[in-house]
């Protein structure tokens, strides 16, 4: 991902969203689905969720560790300083003069 905003259709296609609805239909659709869930056995829902979460807990923790290591590696580099300076100065960052391999 490039840190750009994603449309609802993009999120749906990538599996980040379950369903897309028009903004004025969102509350009604949310309530409809809430009623469907409320009609289910809470213990079954909890066990289903636990089963799903347990299967991805390890990979998520490993991904978080990789992400933290990458952030630690990048903090304080010339590119990081330029990005933060540009943000503070409300300008577009200029990475052209930075040797990214140097960091």
PDB file of N, CA and C in Angstrom:
ATOM      1  N   UNK A   1       0.843  -1.182   0.000  1.00  0.00           N
ATOM      2  CA  UNK A   1       0.000   0.000   0.000  1.00  0.00           C
ATOM      3  C   UNK A   1       0.884   1.240   0.000  1.00  0.00           C
ATOM      4  N   UNK A   2       0.385   2.280  -0.601  1.00  0.00           N
ATOM      5  CA  UNK A   2       1.182   3.486  -0.772  1.00  0.00           C
ATOM      6  C   UNK A   2       0.774   4.609   0.164  1.00  0.00           C
ATOM      7  N   UNK A   3       0.020   4.336   1.165  1.00  0.00           N
ATOM      8  CA  UNK A   3      -0.484   5.294   2.155  1.00  0.00           C
ATOM      9  C   UNK A   3      -1.466   6.293   1.551  1.00  0.00           C
ATOM     10  N   UNK A   4      -1.972   6.007   0.374  1.00  0.00           N
ATOM     11  CA  UNK A   4      -2.996   6.854  -0.223  1.00  0.00           C
ATOM     12  C   UNK A   4      -4.367   6.363   0.228  1.00  0.00           C
ATOM     13  N   UNK A   5      -5.355   7.259   0.161  1.00  0.00           N
ATOM     14  CA  UNK A   5      -6.711   6.890   0.537  1.00  0.00           C
ATOM     15  C   UNK A   5      -7.232   5.827  -0.413  1.00  0.00           C
ATOM     16  N   UNK A   6      -7.963   4.889   0.127  1.00  0.00           N
ATOM     17  CA  UNK A   6      -8.568   3.827  -0.673  1.00  0.00           C
ATOM     18  C   UNK A   6     -10.068   4.055  -0.751  1.00  0.00           C
ATOM     19  N   UNK A   7     -10.635   3.779  -1.902  1.00  0.00           N
ATOM     20  CA  UNK A   7     -12.088   3.890  -2.045  1.00  0.00           C
ATOM     21  C   UNK A   7     -12.752   2.682  -1.391  1.00  0.00           C
ATOM     22  N   UNK A   8     -14.037   2.798  -1.172  1.00  0.00           N
ATOM     23  CA  UNK A   8     -14.787   1.675  -0.608  1.00  0.00           C
ATOM     24  C   UNK A   8     -14.696   0.466  -1.526  1.00  0.00           C
ATOM     25  N   UNK A   9     -14.770   0.707  -2.832  1.00  0.00           N
ATOM     26  CA  UNK A   9     -14.680  -0.400  -3.796  1.00  0.00           C
ATOM     27  C   UNK A   9     -13.312  -1.070  -3.727  1.00  0.00           C
ATOM     28  N   UNK A  10     -12.253  -0.258  -3.577  1.00  0.00           N
ATOM     29  CA  UNK A  10     -10.904  -0.820  -3.443  1.00  0.00           C
ATOM     30  C   UNK A  10     -10.812  -1.695  -2.197  1.00  0.00           C
ATOM     31  N   UNK A  11     -11.345  -1.194  -1.088  1.00  0.00           N
ATOM     32  CA  UNK A  11     -11.304  -1.952   0.169  1.00  0.00           C
ATOM     33  C   UNK A  11     -12.064  -3.262   0.040  1.00  0.00           C
ATOM     34  N   UNK A  12     -13.192  -3.221  -0.620  1.00  0.00           N
ATOM     35  CA  UNK A  12     -13.976  -4.436  -0.826  1.00  0.00           C
ATOM     36  C   UNK A  12     -13.194  -5.434  -1.671  1.00  0.00           C
ATOM     37  N   UNK A  13     -12.596  -4.956  -2.749  1.00  0.00           N
ATOM     38  CA  UNK A  13     -11.834  -5.827  -3.645  1.00  0.00           C
ATOM     39  C   UNK A  13     -10.633  -6.449  -2.934  1.00  0.00           C
ATOM     40  N   UNK A  14     -10.004  -5.703  -2.030  1.00  0.00           N
ATOM     41  CA  UNK A  14      -8.818  -6.188  -1.328  1.00  0.00           C
ATOM     42  C   UNK A  14      -9.160  -7.035  -0.109  1.00  0.00           C
ATOM     43  N   UNK A  15     -10.442  -7.152   0.207  1.00  0.00           N
ATOM     44  CA  UNK A  15     -10.843  -7.947   1.358  1.00  0.00           C
ATOM     45  C   UNK A  15     -10.766  -7.194   2.671  1.00  0.00           C
ATOM     46  N   UNK A  16     -10.615  -5.879   2.608  1.00  0.00           N
ATOM     47  CA  UNK A  16     -10.561  -5.067   3.822  1.00  0.00           C
ATOM     48  C   UNK A  16     -11.950  -4.678   4.310  1.00  0.00           C
ATOM     49  N   UNK A  17     -12.932  -4.841   3.441  1.00  0.00           N
ATOM     50  CA  UNK A  17     -14.320  -4.535   3.794  1.00  0.00           C
ATOM     51  C   UNK A  17     -15.184  -5.732   3.427  1.00  0.00           C
ATOM     52  N   UNK A  18     -16.242  -5.910   4.182  1.00  0.00           N
ATOM     53  CA  UNK A  18     -17.152  -7.030   3.948  1.00  0.00           C
ATOM     54  C   UNK A  18     -18.237  -6.642   2.952  1.00  0.00           C
ATOM     55  N   UNK A  19     -18.699  -5.401   3.043  1.00  0.00           N
ATOM     56  CA  UNK A  19     -19.782  -4.935   2.188  1.00  0.00           C
ATOM     57  C   UNK A  19     -19.650  -3.421   2.017  1.00  0.00           C
ATOM     58  N   UNK A  20     -20.125  -2.927   0.884  1.00  0.00           N
ATOM     59  CA  UNK A  20     -20.138  -1.490   0.617  1.00  0.00           C
ATOM     60  C   UNK A  20     -21.586  -1.056   0.455  1.00  0.00           C
ATOM     61  N   UNK A  21     -21.914   0.074   1.044  1.00  0.00           N
ATOM     62  CA  UNK A  21     -23.268   0.607   0.945  1.00  0.00           C
ATOM     63  C   UNK A  21     -23.201   2.112   0.737  1.00  0.00           C
ATOM     64  N   UNK A  22     -24.281   2.676   0.292  1.00  0.00           N
ATOM     65  CA  UNK A  22     -24.353   4.128   0.134  1.00  0.00           C
ATOM     66  C   UNK A  22     -24.341   4.766   1.525  1.00  0.00           C
ATOM     67  N   UNK A  23     -23.737   5.950   1.660  1.00  0.00           N
ATOM     68  CA  UNK A  23     -23.663   6.591   2.979  1.00  0.00           C
ATOM     69  C   UNK A  23     -25.020   6.742   3.660  1.00  0.00           C
ATOM     70  N   UNK A  24     -26.057   7.099   2.912  1.00  0.00           N
ATOM     71  CA  UNK A  24     -27.365   7.295   3.542  1.00  0.00           C
ATOM     72  C   UNK A  24     -28.042   5.981   3.923  1.00  0.00           C
ATOM     73  N   UNK A  25     -27.493   4.855   3.484  1.00  0.00           N
ATOM     74  CA  UNK A  25     -28.026   3.543   3.842  1.00  0.00           C
ATOM     75  C   UNK A  25     -27.175   2.836   4.900  1.00  0.00           C
ATOM     76  N   UNK A  26     -26.081   3.469   5.301  1.00  0.00           N
ATOM     77  CA  UNK A  26     -25.123   2.813   6.191  1.00  0.00           C
ATOM     78  C   UNK A  26     -25.729   2.415   7.536  1.00  0.00           C
ATOM     79  N   UNK A  27     -26.415   3.328   8.189  1.00  0.00           N
ATOM     80  CA  UNK A  27     -26.984   3.009   9.505  1.00  0.00           C
ATOM     81  C   UNK A  27     -28.010   1.886   9.405  1.00  0.00           C
ATOM     82  N   UNK A  28     -28.889   1.958   8.415  1.00  0.00           N
ATOM     83  CA  UNK A  28     -29.909   0.915   8.255  1.00  0.00           C
ATOM     84  C   UNK A  28     -29.257  -0.436   7.972  1.00  0.00           C
ATOM     85  N   UNK A  29     -28.230  -0.452   7.124  1.00  0.00           N
ATOM     86  CA  UNK A  29     -27.539  -1.705   6.803  1.00  0.00           C
ATOM     87  C   UNK A  29     -26.802  -2.243   8.025  1.00  0.00           C
ATOM     88  N   UNK A  30     -26.197  -1.354   8.785  1.00  0.00           N
ATOM     89  CA  UNK A  30     -25.500  -1.767  10.006  1.00  0.00           C
ATOM     90  C   UNK A  30     -26.480  -2.374  11.003  1.00  0.00           C
ATOM     91  N   UNK A  31     -27.620  -1.740  11.182  1.00  0.00           N
ATOM     92  CA  UNK A  31     -28.630  -2.256  12.108  1.00  0.00           C
ATOM     93  C   UNK A  31     -29.190  -3.592  11.623  1.00  0.00           C
ATOM     94  N   UNK A  32     -29.387  -3.737  10.305  1.00  0.00           N
ATOM     95  CA  UNK A  32     -29.876  -5.000   9.761  1.00  0.00           C
ATOM     96  C   UNK A  32     -28.896  -6.120  10.087  1.00  0.00           C
ATOM     97  N   UNK A  33     -27.622  -5.860   9.871  1.00  0.00           N
ATOM     98  CA  UNK A  33     -26.628  -6.897  10.154  1.00  0.00           C
ATOM     99  C   UNK A  33     -26.507  -7.142  11.662  1.00  0.00           C
ATOM    100  N   UNK A  34     -26.631  -6.098  12.463  1.00  0.00           N
ATOM    101  CA  UNK A  34     -26.588  -6.268  13.919  1.00  0.00           C
ATOM    102  C   UNK A  34     -27.730  -7.175  14.381  1.00  0.00           C
ATOM    103  N   UNK A  35     -28.908  -7.024  13.782  1.00  0.00           N
ATOM    104  CA  UNK A  35     -30.040  -7.890  14.142  1.00  0.00           C
ATOM    105  C   UNK A  35     -29.769  -9.339  13.745  1.00  0.00           C
ATOM    106  N   UNK A  36     -29.123  -9.536  12.602  1.00  0.00           N
ATOM    107  CA  UNK A  36     -28.757 -10.900  12.186  1.00  0.00           C
ATOM    108  C   UNK A  36     -27.822 -11.510  13.222  1.00  0.00           C
ATOM    109  N   UNK A  37     -26.797 -10.763  13.607  1.00  0.00           N
ATOM    110  CA  UNK A  37     -25.844 -11.278  14.599  1.00  0.00           C
ATOM    111  C   UNK A  37     -26.506 -11.496  15.957  1.00  0.00           C
ATOM    112  N   UNK A  38     -27.396 -10.583  16.334  1.00  0.00           N
ATOM    113  CA  UNK A  38     -28.069 -10.703  17.629  1.00  0.00           C
ATOM    114  C   UNK A  38     -28.941 -11.946  17.695  1.00  0.00           C
ATOM    115  N   UNK A  39     -29.374 -12.447  16.557  1.00  0.00           N
ATOM    116  CA  UNK A  39     -30.195 -13.649  16.521  1.00  0.00           C
ATOM    117  C   UNK A  39     -29.396 -14.935  16.610  1.00  0.00           C
ATOM    118  N   UNK A  40     -28.093 -14.821  16.637  1.00  0.00           N
ATOM    119  CA  UNK A  40     -27.223 -16.002  16.702  1.00  0.00           C
ATOM    120  C   UNK A  40     -26.855 -16.308  18.149  1.00  0.00           C
ATOM    121  N   UNK A  41     -26.400 -17.504  18.378  1.00  0.00           N
ATOM    122  CA  UNK A  41     -25.928 -17.907  19.703  1.00  0.00           C
ATOM    123  C   UNK A  41     -24.636 -17.164  20.016  1.00  0.00           C
ATOM    124  N   UNK A  42     -24.617 -16.436  21.127  1.00  0.00           N
ATOM    125  CA  UNK A  42     -23.432 -15.655  21.486  1.00  0.00           C
ATOM    126  C   UNK A  42     -22.222 -16.556  21.706  1.00  0.00           C
ATOM    127  N   UNK A  43     -22.424 -17.720  22.307  1.00  0.00           N
ATOM    128  CA  UNK A  43     -21.281 -18.610  22.540  1.00  0.00           C
ATOM    129  C   UNK A  43     -20.717 -19.123  21.218  1.00  0.00           C
ATOM    130  N   UNK A  44     -21.578 -19.392  20.249  1.00  0.00           N
ATOM    131  CA  UNK A  44     -21.102 -19.832  18.931  1.00  0.00           C
ATOM    132  C   UNK A  44     -20.333 -18.720  18.232  1.00  0.00           C
ATOM    133  N   UNK A  45     -20.857 -17.498  18.319  1.00  0.00           N
ATOM    134  CA  UNK A  45     -20.155 -16.365  17.712  1.00  0.00           C
ATOM    135  C   UNK A  45     -18.788 -16.159  18.358  1.00  0.00           C
ATOM    136  N   UNK A  46     -18.739 -16.257  19.684  1.00  0.00           N
ATOM    137  CA  UNK A  46     -17.473 -16.064  20.399  1.00  0.00           C
ATOM    138  C   UNK A  46     -16.461 -17.136  20.018  1.00  0.00           C
ATOM    139  N   UNK A  47     -16.898 -18.373  19.932  1.00  0.00           N
ATOM    140  CA  UNK A  47     -15.980 -19.456  19.567  1.00  0.00           C
ATOM    141  C   UNK A  47     -15.524 -19.339  18.117  1.00  0.00           C
ATOM    142  N   UNK A  48     -16.430 -18.934  17.244  1.00  0.00           N
ATOM    143  CA  UNK A  48     -16.047 -18.734  15.841  1.00  0.00           C
ATOM    144  C   UNK A  48     -14.989 -17.644  15.736  1.00  0.00           C
ATOM    145  N   UNK A  49     -15.220 -16.539  16.427  1.00  0.00           N
ATOM    146  CA  UNK A  49     -14.258 -15.438  16.398  1.00  0.00           C
ATOM    147  C   UNK A  49     -12.930 -15.876  17.000  1.00  0.00           C
ATOM    148  N   UNK A  50     -12.972 -16.602  18.120  1.00  0.00           N
ATOM    149  CA  UNK A  50     -11.743 -17.067  18.759  1.00  0.00           C
ATOM    150  C   UNK A  50     -10.955 -17.960  17.811  1.00  0.00           C
ATOM    151  N   UNK A  51     -11.640 -18.850  17.124  1.00  0.00           N
ATOM    152  CA  UNK A  51     -10.987 -19.762  16.183  1.00  0.00           C
ATOM    153  C   UNK A  51     -10.308 -18.989  15.056  1.00  0.00           C
ATOM    154  N   UNK A  52     -11.005 -18.008  14.518  1.00  0.00           N
ATOM    155  CA  UNK A  52     -10.432 -17.198  13.439  1.00  0.00           C
ATOM    156  C   UNK A  52      -9.231 -16.407  13.943  1.00  0.00           C
ATOM    157  N   UNK A  53      -9.379 -15.758  15.083  1.00  0.00           N
ATOM    158  CA  UNK A  53      -8.304 -14.922  15.633  1.00  0.00           C
ATOM    159  C   UNK A  53      -7.075 -15.760  15.970  1.00  0.00           C
ATOM    160  N   UNK A  54      -7.272 -16.904  16.593  1.00  0.00           N
ATOM    161  CA  UNK A  54      -6.135 -17.748  16.969  1.00  0.00           C
ATOM    162  C   UNK A  54      -5.311 -18.170  15.760  1.00  0.00           C
ATOM    163  N   UNK A  55      -5.966 -18.383  14.630  1.00  0.00           N
ATOM    164  CA  UNK A  55      -5.235 -18.837  13.447  1.00  0.00           C
ATOM    165  C   UNK A  55      -4.349 -17.749  12.859  1.00  0.00           C
ATOM    166  N   UNK A  56      -4.635 -16.492  13.162  1.00  0.00           N
ATOM    167  CA  UNK A  56      -3.826 -15.406  12.599  1.00  0.00           C
ATOM    168  C   UNK A  56      -3.015 -14.652  13.646  1.00  0.00           C
ATOM    169  N   UNK A  57      -3.155 -14.998  14.904  1.00  0.00           N
ATOM    170  CA  UNK A  57      -2.460 -14.275  15.974  1.00  0.00           C
ATOM    171  C   UNK A  57      -0.943 -14.317  15.799  1.00  0.00           C
ATOM    172  N   UNK A  58      -0.386 -15.488  15.524  1.00  0.00           N
ATOM    173  CA  UNK A  58       1.064 -15.613  15.343  1.00  0.00           C
ATOM    174  C   UNK A  58       1.578 -14.807  14.169  1.00  0.00           C
ATOM    175  N   UNK A  59       0.971 -14.957  12.990  1.00  0.00           N
ATOM    176  CA  UNK A  59       1.423 -14.154  11.852  1.00  0.00           C
ATOM    177  C   UNK A  59       1.288 -12.644  12.078  1.00  0.00           C
ATOM    178  N   UNK A  60       0.244 -12.226  12.783  1.00  0.00           N
ATOM    179  CA  UNK A  60       0.083 -10.797  13.064  1.00  0.00           C
ATOM    180  C   UNK A  60       1.192 -10.321  13.993  1.00  0.00           C
ATOM    181  N   UNK A  61       1.506 -11.087  15.018  1.00  0.00           N
ATOM    182  CA  UNK A  61       2.587 -10.710  15.937  1.00  0.00           C
ATOM    183  C   UNK A  61       3.920 -10.646  15.200  1.00  0.00           C
ATOM    184  N   UNK A  62       4.172 -11.608  14.324  1.00  0.00           N
ATOM    185  CA  UNK A  62       5.421 -11.606  13.553  1.00  0.00           C
ATOM    186  C   UNK A  62       5.476 -10.396  12.624  1.00  0.00           C
ATOM    187  N   UNK A  63       4.364 -10.071  11.999  1.00  0.00           N
ATOM    188  CA  UNK A  63       4.316  -8.902  11.113  1.00  0.00           C
ATOM    189  C   UNK A  63       4.547  -7.623  11.903  1.00  0.00           C
ATOM    190  N   UNK A  64       3.981  -7.538  13.102  1.00  0.00           N
ATOM    191  CA  UNK A  64       4.180  -6.364  13.952  1.00  0.00           C
ATOM    192  C   UNK A  64       5.650  -6.220  14.324  1.00  0.00           C
ATOM    193  N   UNK A  65       6.306  -7.326  14.631  1.00  0.00           N
ATOM    194  CA  UNK A  65       7.738  -7.271  14.954  1.00  0.00           C
ATOM    195  C   UNK A  65       8.558  -6.812  13.755  1.00  0.00           C
ATOM    196  N   UNK A  66       8.224  -7.305  12.559  1.00  0.00           N
ATOM    197  CA  UNK A  66       8.931  -6.853  11.348  1.00  0.00           C
ATOM    198  C   UNK A  66       8.698  -5.366  11.111  1.00  0.00           C
ATOM    199  N   UNK A  67       7.468  -4.930  11.313  1.00  0.00           N
ATOM    200  CA  UNK A  67       7.144  -3.520  11.120  1.00  0.00           C
ATOM    201  C   UNK A  67       7.906  -2.655  12.121  1.00  0.00           C
ATOM    202  N   UNK A  68       7.933  -3.063  13.382  1.00  0.00           N
ATOM    203  CA  UNK A  68       8.667  -2.309  14.400  1.00  0.00           C
ATOM    204  C   UNK A  68      10.153  -2.242  14.076  1.00  0.00           C
ATOM    205  N   UNK A  69      10.723  -3.344  13.598  1.00  0.00           N
ATOM    206  CA  UNK A  69      12.141  -3.360  13.227  1.00  0.00           C
ATOM    207  C   UNK A  69      12.398  -2.417  12.054  1.00  0.00           C
ATOM    208  N   UNK A  70      11.488  -2.402  11.092  1.00  0.00           N
ATOM    209  CA  UNK A  70      11.646  -1.509   9.940  1.00  0.00           C
ATOM    210  C   UNK A  70      11.567  -0.050  10.373  1.00  0.00           C
ATOM    211  N   UNK A  71      10.609   0.282  11.239  1.00  0.00           N
ATOM    212  CA  UNK A  71      10.507   1.650  11.736  1.00  0.00           C
ATOM    213  C   UNK A  71      11.766   2.042  12.500  1.00  0.00           C
ATOM    214  N   UNK A  72      12.261   1.157  13.349  1.00  0.00           N
ATOM    215  CA  UNK A  72      13.473   1.451  14.115  1.00  0.00           C
ATOM    216  C   UNK A  72      14.652   1.703  13.183  1.00  0.00           C
ATOM    217  N   UNK A  73      14.743   0.922  12.121  1.00  0.00           N
ATOM    218  CA  UNK A  73      15.831   1.079  11.149  1.00  0.00           C
ATOM    219  C   UNK A  73      15.738   2.424  10.426  1.00  0.00           C
ATOM    220  N   UNK A  74      14.521   2.869  10.142  1.00  0.00           N
ATOM    221  CA  UNK A  74      14.324   4.090   9.365  1.00  0.00           C
ATOM    222  C   UNK A  74      14.339   5.370  10.193  1.00  0.00           C
ATOM    223  N   UNK A  75      14.067   5.271  11.479  1.00  0.00           N
ATOM    224  CA  UNK A  75      14.027   6.458  12.328  1.00  0.00           C
ATOM    225  C   UNK A  75      15.382   7.158  12.338  1.00  0.00           C
ATOM    226  N   UNK A  76      15.347   8.457  12.129  1.00  0.00           N
ATOM    227  CA  UNK A  76      16.572   9.246  12.182  1.00  0.00           C
ATOM    228  C   UNK A  76      17.359   9.276  10.887  1.00  0.00           C
ATOM    229  N   UNK A  77      16.921   8.543   9.883  1.00  0.00           N
ATOM    230  CA  UNK A  77      17.623   8.569   8.603  1.00  0.00           C
ATOM    231  C   UNK A  77      17.327   9.893   7.902  1.00  0.00           C
ATOM    232  N   UNK A  78      18.120  10.193   6.885  1.00  0.00           N
ATOM    233  CA  UNK A  78      17.928  11.437   6.143  1.00  0.00           C
ATOM    234  C   UNK A  78      16.525  11.508   5.544  1.00  0.00           C
ATOM    235  N   UNK A  79      16.043  10.403   5.016  1.00  0.00           N
ATOM    236  CA  UNK A  79      14.704  10.385   4.423  1.00  0.00           C
ATOM    237  C   UNK A  79      13.633  10.629   5.481  1.00  0.00           C
ATOM    238  N   UNK A  80      13.798  10.053   6.654  1.00  0.00           N
ATOM    239  CA  UNK A  80      12.849  10.247   7.745  1.00  0.00           C
ATOM    240  C   UNK A  80      12.849  11.700   8.204  1.00  0.00           C
ATOM    241  N   UNK A  81      14.026  12.272   8.358  1.00  0.00           N
ATOM    242  CA  UNK A  81      14.132  13.672   8.784  1.00  0.00           C
ATOM    243  C   UNK A  81      13.486  14.592   7.748  1.00  0.00           C
ATOM    244  N   UNK A  82      13.740  14.330   6.464  1.00  0.00           N
ATOM    245  CA  UNK A  82      13.130  15.135   5.403  1.00  0.00           C
ATOM    246  C   UNK A  82      11.614  14.996   5.430  1.00  0.00           C
ATOM    247  N   UNK A  83      11.111  13.798   5.600  1.00  0.00           N
ATOM    248  CA  UNK A  83       9.660  13.582   5.632  1.00  0.00           C
ATOM    249  C   UNK A  83       9.020  14.329   6.796  1.00  0.00           C
ATOM    250  N   UNK A  84       9.619  14.241   7.973  1.00  0.00           N
ATOM    251  CA  UNK A  84       9.063  14.914   9.147  1.00  0.00           C
ATOM    252  C   UNK A  84       9.185  16.427   9.036  1.00  0.00           C
ATOM    253  N   UNK A  85      10.302  16.903   8.498  1.00  0.00           N
ATOM    254  CA  UNK A  85      10.482  18.347   8.298  1.00  0.00           C
ATOM    255  C   UNK A  85       9.442  18.878   7.322  1.00  0.00           C
ATOM    256  N   UNK A  86       9.249  18.163   6.230  1.00  0.00           N
ATOM    257  CA  UNK A  86       8.265  18.587   5.235  1.00  0.00           C
ATOM    258  C   UNK A  86       6.863  18.613   5.834  1.00  0.00           C
ATOM    259  N   UNK A  87       6.551  17.627   6.642  1.00  0.00           N
ATOM    260  CA  UNK A  87       5.241  17.591   7.290  1.00  0.00           C
ATOM    261  C   UNK A  87       5.067  18.801   8.204  1.00  0.00           C
ATOM    262  N   UNK A  88       6.080  19.087   9.016  1.00  0.00           N
ATOM    263  CA  UNK A  88       6.011  20.217   9.944  1.00  0.00           C
ATOM    264  C   UNK A  88       5.930  21.548   9.200  1.00  0.00           C
ATOM    265  N   UNK A  89       6.595  21.619   8.055  1.00  0.00           N
ATOM    266  CA  UNK A  89       6.625  22.853   7.263  1.00  0.00           C
ATOM    267  C   UNK A  89       5.490  22.917   6.239  1.00  0.00           C
ATOM    268  N   UNK A  90       4.647  21.906   6.227  1.00  0.00           N
ATOM    269  CA  UNK A  90       3.498  21.829   5.313  1.00  0.00           C
ATOM    270  C   UNK A  90       3.924  21.971   3.852  1.00  0.00           C
ATOM    271  N   UNK A  91       4.927  21.199   3.490  1.00  0.00           N
ATOM    272  CA  UNK A  91       5.408  21.195   2.114  1.00  0.00           C
ATOM    273  C   UNK A  91       5.561  19.754   1.650  1.00  0.00           C
ATOM    274  N   UNK A  92       5.733  19.583   0.364  1.00  0.00           N
ATOM    275  CA  UNK A  92       5.954  18.258  -0.201  1.00  0.00           C
ATOM    276  C   UNK A  92       7.402  17.862   0.049  1.00  0.00           C
ATOM    277  N   UNK A  93       7.647  16.675   0.569  1.00  0.00           N
ATOM    278  CA  UNK A  93       9.039  16.275   0.811  1.00  0.00           C
ATOM    279  C   UNK A  93       9.813  16.134  -0.495  1.00  0.00           C
ATOM    280  N   UNK A  94      11.110  16.426  -0.431  1.00  0.00           N
ATOM    281  CA  UNK A  94      11.991  16.296  -1.591  1.00  0.00           C
ATOM    282  C   UNK A  94      13.056  15.265  -1.249  1.00  0.00           C
ATOM    283  N   UNK A  95      12.888  14.070  -1.784  1.00  0.00           N
ATOM    284  CA  UNK A  95      13.823  12.988  -1.519  1.00  0.00           C
ATOM    285  C   UNK A  95      14.885  12.862  -2.602  1.00  0.00           C
ATOM    286  N   UNK A  96      14.847  13.750  -3.605  1.00  0.00           N
ATOM    287  CA  UNK A  96      15.745  13.624  -4.758  1.00  0.00           C
ATOM    288  C   UNK A  96      17.217  13.679  -4.362  1.00  0.00           C
ATOM    289  N   UNK A  97      17.564  14.510  -3.397  1.00  0.00           N
ATOM    290  CA  UNK A  97      18.969  14.683  -3.025  1.00  0.00           C
ATOM    291  C   UNK A  97      19.430  13.685  -1.968  1.00  0.00           C
ATOM    292  N   UNK A  98      18.554  12.807  -1.551  1.00  0.00           N
ATOM    293  CA  UNK A  98      18.886  11.868  -0.478  1.00  0.00           C
ATOM    294  C   UNK A  98      19.257  10.525  -1.078  1.00  0.00           C
ATOM    295  N   UNK A  99      20.403  10.034  -0.703  1.00  0.00           N
ATOM    296  CA  UNK A  99      20.819   8.696  -1.133  1.00  0.00           C
ATOM    297  C   UNK A  99      20.158   7.706  -0.189  1.00  0.00           C
ATOM    298  N   UNK A 100      19.094   7.099  -0.637  1.00  0.00           N
ATOM    299  CA  UNK A 100      18.330   6.203   0.232  1.00  0.00           C
ATOM    300  C   UNK A 100      19.133   4.986   0.654  1.00  0.00           C
ATOM    301  N   UNK A 101      20.097   4.579  -0.140  1.00  0.00           N
ATOM    302  CA  UNK A 101      20.915   3.431   0.230  1.00  0.00           C
ATOM    303  C   UNK A 101      21.921   3.794   1.310  1.00  0.00           C
ATOM    304  N   UNK A 102      22.210   5.088   1.444  1.00  0.00           N
ATOM    305  CA  UNK A 102      23.159   5.549   2.458  1.00  0.00           C
ATOM    306  C   UNK A 102      22.621   5.318   3.858  1.00  0.00           C
ATOM    307  N   UNK A 103      21.309   5.498   4.018  1.00  0.00           N
ATOM    308  CA  UNK A 103      20.676   5.338   5.325  1.00  0.00           C
ATOM    309  C   UNK A 103      20.723   3.906   5.680  1.00  0.00           C
TER     310      UNK A 103
END
